[in-house]
Amino acid sequence: MIRKQYEFEGNVQGVGFRYRCVMAARALGITGWVENQWDGSVLMEAQGEPDALDEMIKRLEQSRFGRIDAVKQIELPVKSNERNFIVR
């Protein structure tokens, strides 16, 4: 189990990107959250198995809605009490 913070840049606001994050996370058993940022990027913290996180990013990159130009990521400590994936 790992936790990562992702910052997505590109055409990621106003195109259903956060909704797609929620659907992918719930399908893959990932917990965490996603939120829009003031600069037009989207910030997400996701926690789960490494393969599940990789699959989630792959699904988001292959979406025909919006466009991801860059993804920055850092690893974070796991939160043991987290149970859901939400939009903030």
Protein backbone atom coordinates (compact mmCIF):
# COMPACT_ATOMS: atom_id res chain seq x y z
CA MET A 1 0.00 0.00 0.00
CA ILE A 2 1.32 3.42 -0.99
CA ARG A 3 0.02 6.99 -1.14
CA LYS A 4 0.93 9.57 -3.76
CA GLN A 5 0.07 13.16 -4.48
CA TYR A 6 -0.47 13.98 -8.15
CA GLU A 7 -0.73 17.39 -9.77
CA PHE A 8 -2.28 17.31 -13.24
CA GLU A 9 -1.73 20.18 -15.64
CA GLY A 10 -3.48 20.76 -18.95
CA ASN A 11 -7.15 20.99 -19.86
CA VAL A 12 -8.31 19.27 -16.66
CA GLN A 13 -10.94 21.63 -15.23
CA GLY A 14 -14.50 21.86 -16.49
CA VAL A 15 -14.29 18.61 -18.46
CA GLY A 16 -15.42 16.00 -15.88
CA PHE A 17 -11.85 15.14 -14.84
CA ARG A 18 -12.58 14.92 -11.11
CA TYR A 19 -15.61 12.72 -11.79
CA ARG A 20 -13.40 10.36 -13.82
CA CYS A 21 -10.91 10.28 -10.94
CA VAL A 22 -13.67 9.21 -8.56
CA MET A 23 -15.00 6.53 -10.90
CA ALA A 24 -11.53 5.10 -11.58
CA ALA A 25 -10.56 5.17 -7.90
CA ARG A 26 -13.71 3.42 -6.76
CA ALA A 27 -13.39 0.77 -9.49
CA LEU A 28 -9.79 0.08 -8.45
CA GLY A 29 -10.23 0.20 -4.65
CA ILE A 30 -8.25 3.43 -4.24
CA THR A 31 -8.91 5.92 -1.43
CA GLY A 32 -8.09 9.62 -1.26
CA TRP A 33 -9.37 12.86 -2.72
CA VAL A 34 -9.22 15.18 -5.73
CA GLU A 35 -9.72 18.96 -6.02
CA ASN A 36 -9.38 21.83 -8.48
CA GLN A 37 -6.63 24.36 -7.85
CA TRP A 38 -6.75 28.13 -8.44
CA ASP A 39 -4.15 27.90 -11.24
CA GLY A 40 -6.21 25.53 -13.42
CA SER A 41 -4.46 22.34 -12.31
CA VAL A 42 -6.04 19.46 -10.40
CA LEU A 43 -4.49 18.07 -7.21
CA MET A 44 -5.13 14.49 -6.13
CA GLU A 45 -3.99 12.28 -3.27
CA ALA A 46 -4.51 8.60 -3.97
CA GLN A 47 -3.77 5.55 -1.83
CA GLY A 48 -3.77 1.91 -2.82
CA GLU A 49 -1.70 -0.85 -4.32
CA PRO A 50 1.05 0.41 -6.68
CA ASP A 51 -0.45 -1.42 -9.69
CA ALA A 52 -3.88 0.09 -8.99
CA LEU A 53 -2.43 3.61 -8.85
CA ASP A 54 -0.59 3.02 -12.13
CA GLU A 55 -3.80 1.76 -13.74
CA MET A 56 -5.74 4.78 -12.50
CA ILE A 57 -3.24 7.20 -14.06
CA LYS A 58 -3.31 5.19 -17.29
CA ARG A 59 -7.12 5.42 -17.43
CA LEU A 60 -7.03 9.17 -16.79
CA GLU A 61 -4.41 9.72 -19.50
CA GLN A 62 -6.43 7.69 -22.02
CA SER A 63 -9.66 9.59 -21.38
CA ARG A 64 -11.01 11.40 -24.41
CA PHE A 65 -12.31 14.22 -22.22
CA GLY A 66 -9.79 16.89 -21.34
CA ARG A 67 -6.07 16.71 -21.84
CA ILE A 68 -3.23 16.03 -19.40
CA ASP A 69 -0.06 17.87 -20.41
CA ALA A 70 2.01 17.05 -17.31
CA VAL A 71 1.74 14.99 -14.13
CA LYS A 72 3.90 15.74 -11.10
CA GLN A 73 3.92 13.18 -8.32
CA ILE A 74 5.41 12.71 -4.89
CA GLU A 75 5.10 9.84 -2.44
CA LEU A 76 3.38 10.53 0.90
CA PRO A 77 2.87 8.62 4.15
CA VAL A 78 -0.07 6.18 4.11
CA LYS A 79 -3.23 7.23 6.00
CA SER A 80 -4.50 4.09 7.72
CA ASN A 81 -7.96 5.46 8.60
CA GLU A 82 -9.02 6.53 5.09
CA ARG A 83 -11.94 4.61 3.56
CA ASN A 84 -13.26 6.57 0.54
CA PHE A 85 -12.27 8.61 -2.49
CA ILE A 86 -13.96 12.02 -2.59
CA VAL A 87 -14.07 15.33 -4.45
CA ARG A 88 -13.00 18.23 -2.25
